[in-house]
Amino acid sequence: MNKWKKAIRTRYYWSIILGILGILLIIVHILIPFESIKSIITCVGTSFMSAAITIFLVKFDIMDLIQNNIMEKYGIIDIVHGRDAVFVNDEIEKIKTNSWEDFLRNSSDNTVDIVGISMYSFLITKDILHILYELSENFVIRIVFANPSSQEVAYQSLEEEKPDKLQENIKWISEKILAECKNIHIFYSKTMPRAFIVRSGNKMIITPYLLDGPFKEPTIIASDQGFVENSYYDTYKRYIEKIISSAEKLKQEQQ
């Protein structure tokens, strides 16, 4: 157990002890017939009760401090419930953008990396492609799909009860991009992407791929402001570079 958890537990015990003492003294105050002692006991009892409440509330302040410190350490802006919850309510203020379009356009270095399996629900359903086409005139944009010929994609497609659908979507979307935009770099990863990742400059949105896809899984919003060696942003940026280095790059002639 680390020192912060010990401190929190100690404060928790003291708040209970002081609270109990305060209640006992107030009960004693009621039973004692001597008025001169009553006032002293009342003051001490209420002081103990106040101290117990203060320590209990400070406990939550410390917990918030620890949580925020850990998140800041690893460059985590926030963790939300699913990819589609990124631009909802409080998250808009934290990430400083209010939509996927703003997030992509506000890239700090005019680069965008997108990694996923087929990403139909993102690129097509959310109508992201036309934004990428426009940005590609001045941005470096790289999109990494799972390899549609891989056995892993076939298994995933069966798991989602959509035989061959993932393979078809990957081929259709990648060929569509190649046919419609010459400036976007398209790759087929040798290994199945482990997460849906959108990196826009110094910020990144990461959702692990589990069996239900990226819709309800915990989603991390990260930046390059972490101050440990393996911050989330740095770790996943290295991951992106690694899979791109061994991926198959599609060329315009393949349209």
Protein backbone atom coordinates (compact mmCIF):
# COMPACT_ATOMS: atom_id res chain seq x y z
CA MET A 1 0.00 0.00 0.00
CA ASN A 2 1.50 3.38 -0.97
CA LYS A 3 1.83 6.31 1.39
CA TRP A 4 -1.15 8.17 -0.10
CA LYS A 5 -3.51 5.27 0.50
CA LYS A 6 -2.18 4.94 4.06
CA ALA A 7 -2.78 8.64 4.65
CA ILE A 8 -6.35 8.38 3.35
CA ARG A 9 -7.08 5.33 5.51
CA THR A 10 -5.63 7.04 8.60
CA ARG A 11 -7.77 10.13 8.02
CA TYR A 12 -10.81 7.90 7.51
CA TYR A 13 -10.23 6.16 10.88
CA TRP A 14 -9.69 9.47 12.67
CA SER A 15 -12.91 10.91 11.23
CA ILE A 16 -14.81 7.88 12.60
CA ILE A 17 -13.15 8.10 16.03
CA LEU A 18 -13.73 11.85 16.38
CA GLY A 19 -17.30 11.51 15.14
CA ILE A 20 -18.07 8.81 17.73
CA LEU A 21 -16.45 10.85 20.51
CA GLY A 22 -18.46 13.90 19.48
CA ILE A 23 -21.73 11.95 19.58
CA LEU A 24 -20.86 10.43 23.00
CA LEU A 25 -20.05 13.85 24.46
CA ILE A 26 -23.33 15.28 23.19
CA ILE A 27 -25.18 12.35 24.84
CA VAL A 28 -23.25 12.95 28.07
CA HIS A 29 -24.19 16.63 27.90
CA ILE A 30 -27.87 15.63 27.92
CA LEU A 31 -27.45 13.32 30.93
CA ILE A 32 -25.27 15.55 33.16
CA PRO A 33 -27.24 17.82 35.49
CA PHE A 34 -24.44 20.37 36.05
CA GLU A 35 -24.93 23.40 33.81
CA SER A 36 -21.32 24.64 34.20
CA ILE A 37 -19.91 21.36 32.84
CA LYS A 38 -22.61 21.04 30.17
CA SER A 39 -21.36 24.03 28.19
CA ILE A 40 -17.77 22.72 28.19
CA ILE A 41 -18.86 19.23 27.10
CA THR A 42 -21.07 20.73 24.38
CA CYS A 43 -18.17 22.77 22.97
CA VAL A 44 -15.81 19.81 22.98
CA GLY A 45 -18.45 17.51 21.45
CA THR A 46 -19.32 19.88 18.61
CA SER A 47 -15.60 20.49 17.98
CA PHE A 48 -15.02 16.75 17.59
CA MET A 49 -17.99 16.48 15.23
CA SER A 50 -16.74 19.40 13.13
CA ALA A 51 -13.25 17.90 12.99
CA ALA A 52 -14.68 14.54 11.88
CA ILE A 53 -16.68 16.15 9.07
CA THR A 54 -13.68 18.24 7.94
CA ILE A 55 -11.33 15.23 7.83
CA PHE A 56 -13.94 13.20 5.93
CA LEU A 57 -14.32 15.93 3.29
CA VAL A 58 -10.56 16.46 3.00
CA LYS A 59 -10.26 12.74 2.30
CA PHE A 60 -12.13 13.22 -0.98
CA ASP A 61 -9.98 16.24 -1.86
CA ILE A 62 -6.87 14.09 -1.43
CA MET A 63 -8.36 11.31 -3.55
CA ASP A 64 -9.13 13.81 -6.32
CA LEU A 65 -5.61 15.19 -6.04
CA ILE A 66 -4.06 11.73 -6.36
CA GLN A 67 -6.27 10.81 -9.30
CA ASN A 68 -5.56 14.06 -11.13
CA ASN A 69 -1.84 13.75 -10.43
CA ILE A 70 -1.70 10.23 -11.89
CA MET A 71 -3.68 11.23 -14.97
CA GLU A 72 -1.49 14.28 -15.52
CA LYS A 73 1.63 12.15 -15.06
CA TYR A 74 0.60 9.86 -17.93
CA GLY A 75 -0.75 12.65 -20.11
CA ILE A 76 -4.39 11.59 -19.73
CA ILE A 77 -6.89 14.38 -20.29
CA ASP A 78 -9.87 12.19 -19.43
CA ILE A 79 -11.35 8.70 -19.67
CA VAL A 80 -14.86 8.38 -21.10
CA HIS A 81 -17.40 5.64 -21.76
CA GLY A 82 -16.93 4.79 -25.42
CA ARG A 83 -15.66 6.58 -28.51
CA ASP A 84 -18.91 8.44 -29.08
CA ALA A 85 -18.79 10.06 -25.62
CA VAL A 86 -15.63 12.03 -26.39
CA PHE A 87 -17.38 15.21 -27.47
CA VAL A 88 -20.22 15.22 -24.96
CA ASN A 89 -20.84 17.81 -22.23
CA ASP A 90 -17.79 18.29 -19.96
CA GLU A 91 -15.43 16.55 -22.37
CA ILE A 92 -15.75 19.41 -24.86
CA GLU A 93 -14.18 21.82 -22.36
CA LYS A 94 -11.42 19.38 -21.39
CA ILE A 95 -10.34 18.54 -24.93
CA LYS A 96 -10.87 22.11 -26.20
CA THR A 97 -12.82 20.98 -29.28
CA ASN A 98 -16.49 20.15 -29.76
CA SER A 99 -16.50 17.67 -32.64
CA TRP A 100 -14.41 15.20 -34.59
CA GLU A 101 -14.01 17.79 -37.31
CA ASP A 102 -12.59 20.37 -34.89
CA PHE A 103 -10.34 17.76 -33.35
CA LEU A 104 -8.85 16.88 -36.74
CA ARG A 105 -8.57 20.46 -37.97
CA ASN A 106 -6.84 21.63 -34.78
CA SER A 107 -3.83 19.35 -35.23
CA SER A 108 -0.82 21.07 -33.67
CA ASP A 109 1.59 19.89 -36.39
CA ASN A 110 -0.71 19.35 -39.39
CA THR A 111 -0.52 15.56 -39.08
CA VAL A 112 -3.32 13.05 -38.54
CA ASP A 113 -2.98 9.31 -37.97
CA ILE A 114 -6.01 7.01 -37.87
CA VAL A 115 -5.70 3.33 -36.98
CA GLY A 116 -8.42 0.72 -36.83
CA ILE A 117 -9.95 -2.39 -38.35
CA SER A 118 -12.45 -1.29 -41.00
CA MET A 119 -13.60 1.99 -39.37
CA TYR A 120 -16.77 2.08 -41.46
CA SER A 121 -18.76 3.50 -38.55
CA PHE A 122 -16.20 6.27 -38.16
CA LEU A 123 -15.06 7.21 -41.66
CA ILE A 124 -18.35 6.64 -43.48
CA THR A 125 -21.16 6.87 -40.93
CA LYS A 126 -19.71 10.00 -39.32
CA ASP A 127 -18.84 11.42 -42.75
CA ILE A 128 -15.19 11.96 -41.82
CA LEU A 129 -13.77 11.27 -45.28
CA HIS A 130 -14.66 14.64 -46.82
CA ILE A 131 -12.91 16.37 -43.89
CA LEU A 132 -9.78 14.29 -44.46
CA TYR A 133 -9.88 14.98 -48.19
CA GLU A 134 -9.91 18.71 -47.54
CA LEU A 135 -7.21 18.56 -44.88
CA SER A 136 -4.95 16.40 -47.06
CA GLU A 137 -4.09 19.44 -49.16
CA ASN A 138 -1.99 20.79 -46.28
CA PHE A 139 -1.79 17.91 -43.80
CA VAL A 140 0.07 14.62 -43.73
CA ILE A 141 -2.68 12.03 -43.23
CA ARG A 142 -2.06 8.32 -42.68
CA ILE A 143 -4.80 5.72 -42.31
CA VAL A 144 -4.01 2.17 -41.20
CA PHE A 145 -6.57 -0.58 -41.77
CA ALA A 146 -6.42 -4.21 -40.72
CA ASN A 147 -5.35 -6.45 -43.57
CA PRO A 148 -8.60 -7.72 -45.14
CA SER A 149 -6.88 -10.97 -46.14
CA SER A 150 -5.75 -11.83 -42.61
CA GLN A 151 -7.25 -14.68 -40.63
CA GLU A 152 -7.69 -12.36 -37.65
CA VAL A 153 -10.09 -10.15 -39.61
CA ALA A 154 -12.02 -13.24 -40.71
CA TYR A 155 -12.34 -14.37 -37.07
CA GLN A 156 -13.41 -10.89 -35.95
CA SER A 157 -16.02 -10.75 -38.68
CA LEU A 158 -17.44 -14.09 -37.56
CA GLU A 159 -17.39 -12.97 -33.92
CA GLU A 160 -19.47 -9.94 -34.87
CA GLU A 161 -21.84 -12.29 -36.73
CA LYS A 162 -21.14 -10.50 -40.02
CA PRO A 163 -19.30 -13.06 -42.16
CA ASP A 164 -16.95 -11.37 -44.67
CA LYS A 165 -18.42 -7.92 -43.88
CA LEU A 166 -15.26 -6.50 -42.32
CA GLN A 167 -13.16 -7.69 -45.24
CA GLU A 168 -15.56 -6.11 -47.72
CA ASN A 169 -15.69 -2.82 -45.80
CA ILE A 170 -11.90 -2.54 -45.53
CA LYS A 171 -11.39 -3.12 -49.25
CA TRP A 172 -14.23 -0.83 -50.27
CA ILE A 173 -13.22 2.10 -48.03
CA SER A 174 -9.49 1.88 -48.79
CA GLU A 175 -10.13 1.68 -52.55
CA LYS A 176 -12.63 4.55 -52.31
CA ILE A 177 -10.03 6.78 -50.62
CA LEU A 178 -7.35 5.87 -53.18
CA ALA A 179 -9.73 6.67 -56.01
CA GLU A 180 -10.94 9.97 -54.58
CA CYS A 181 -7.87 11.47 -52.90
CA LYS A 182 -4.24 11.15 -53.97
CA ASN A 183 -2.75 12.79 -50.86
CA ILE A 184 -3.80 10.34 -48.14
CA HIS A 185 -1.45 7.48 -47.28
CA ILE A 186 -3.26 4.14 -46.89
CA PHE A 187 -1.78 1.08 -45.17
CA TYR A 188 -2.80 -2.51 -44.41
CA SER A 189 -1.34 -3.56 -41.08
CA LYS A 190 0.41 -6.93 -40.83
CA THR A 191 -1.15 -7.50 -37.42
CA MET A 192 -4.67 -6.76 -36.26
CA PRO A 193 -4.86 -3.24 -34.73
CA ARG A 194 -5.35 -3.57 -30.96
CA ALA A 195 -7.09 -0.23 -30.62
CA PHE A 196 -8.98 2.39 -32.56
CA ILE A 197 -6.65 5.40 -32.53
CA VAL A 198 -7.03 8.92 -33.83
CA ARG A 199 -3.96 11.11 -33.40
CA SER A 200 -4.32 14.78 -34.29
CA GLY A 201 -1.03 16.51 -33.61
CA ASN A 202 -0.28 16.42 -29.90
CA LYS A 203 -3.62 14.88 -28.87
CA MET A 204 -4.86 11.35 -29.25
CA ILE A 205 -8.08 9.39 -28.73
CA ILE A 206 -7.62 5.68 -27.94
CA THR A 207 -10.29 2.98 -27.65
CA PRO A 208 -9.31 -0.68 -27.24
CA TYR A 209 -10.81 -3.19 -29.62
CA LEU A 210 -12.70 -5.78 -27.61
CA LEU A 211 -15.44 -8.00 -28.95
CA ASP A 212 -18.08 -5.25 -28.93
CA GLY A 213 -16.00 -2.76 -30.89
CA PRO A 214 -15.05 0.79 -29.82
CA PHE A 215 -18.52 2.05 -28.99
CA LYS A 216 -18.77 1.22 -25.27
CA GLU A 217 -15.20 0.45 -24.27
CA PRO A 218 -13.27 2.86 -21.99
CA THR A 219 -11.81 5.57 -24.21
CA ILE A 220 -8.69 7.52 -23.26
CA ILE A 221 -8.18 11.11 -24.36
CA ALA A 222 -4.44 11.78 -24.11
CA SER A 223 -1.92 14.49 -24.93
CA ASP A 224 1.86 14.71 -25.21
CA GLN A 225 2.03 16.59 -21.89
CA GLY A 226 2.73 13.50 -19.77
CA PHE A 227 6.03 13.54 -17.90
CA VAL A 228 6.85 9.83 -17.66
CA GLU A 229 8.75 7.85 -20.25
CA ASN A 230 5.80 5.65 -21.22
CA SER A 231 2.97 8.15 -21.28
CA TYR A 232 -0.12 7.04 -23.18
CA TYR A 233 0.51 9.44 -26.04
CA ASP A 234 4.17 8.43 -26.49
CA THR A 235 3.41 4.71 -26.16
CA TYR A 236 0.67 4.73 -28.77
CA LYS A 237 2.60 7.05 -31.09
CA ARG A 238 5.45 4.52 -31.07
CA TYR A 239 2.88 1.79 -31.71
CA ILE A 240 1.55 3.68 -34.75
CA GLU A 241 5.05 4.15 -36.16
CA LYS A 242 5.87 0.50 -35.57
CA ILE A 243 2.85 -0.92 -37.40
CA ILE A 244 3.28 1.56 -40.26
CA SER A 245 6.94 0.58 -40.65
CA SER A 246 5.95 -3.02 -41.39
CA ALA A 247 2.59 -2.38 -43.06
CA GLU A 248 1.73 -2.75 -46.73
CA LYS A 249 1.30 0.68 -48.30
CA LEU A 250 -1.41 0.81 -50.95
CA LYS A 251 -0.67 2.72 -54.10
CA GLN A 252 -2.86 4.69 -56.42
CA GLU A 253 -2.63 2.03 -59.14
CA GLN A 254 -4.59 -0.38 -56.88
CA GLN A 255 -7.82 1.55 -57.21
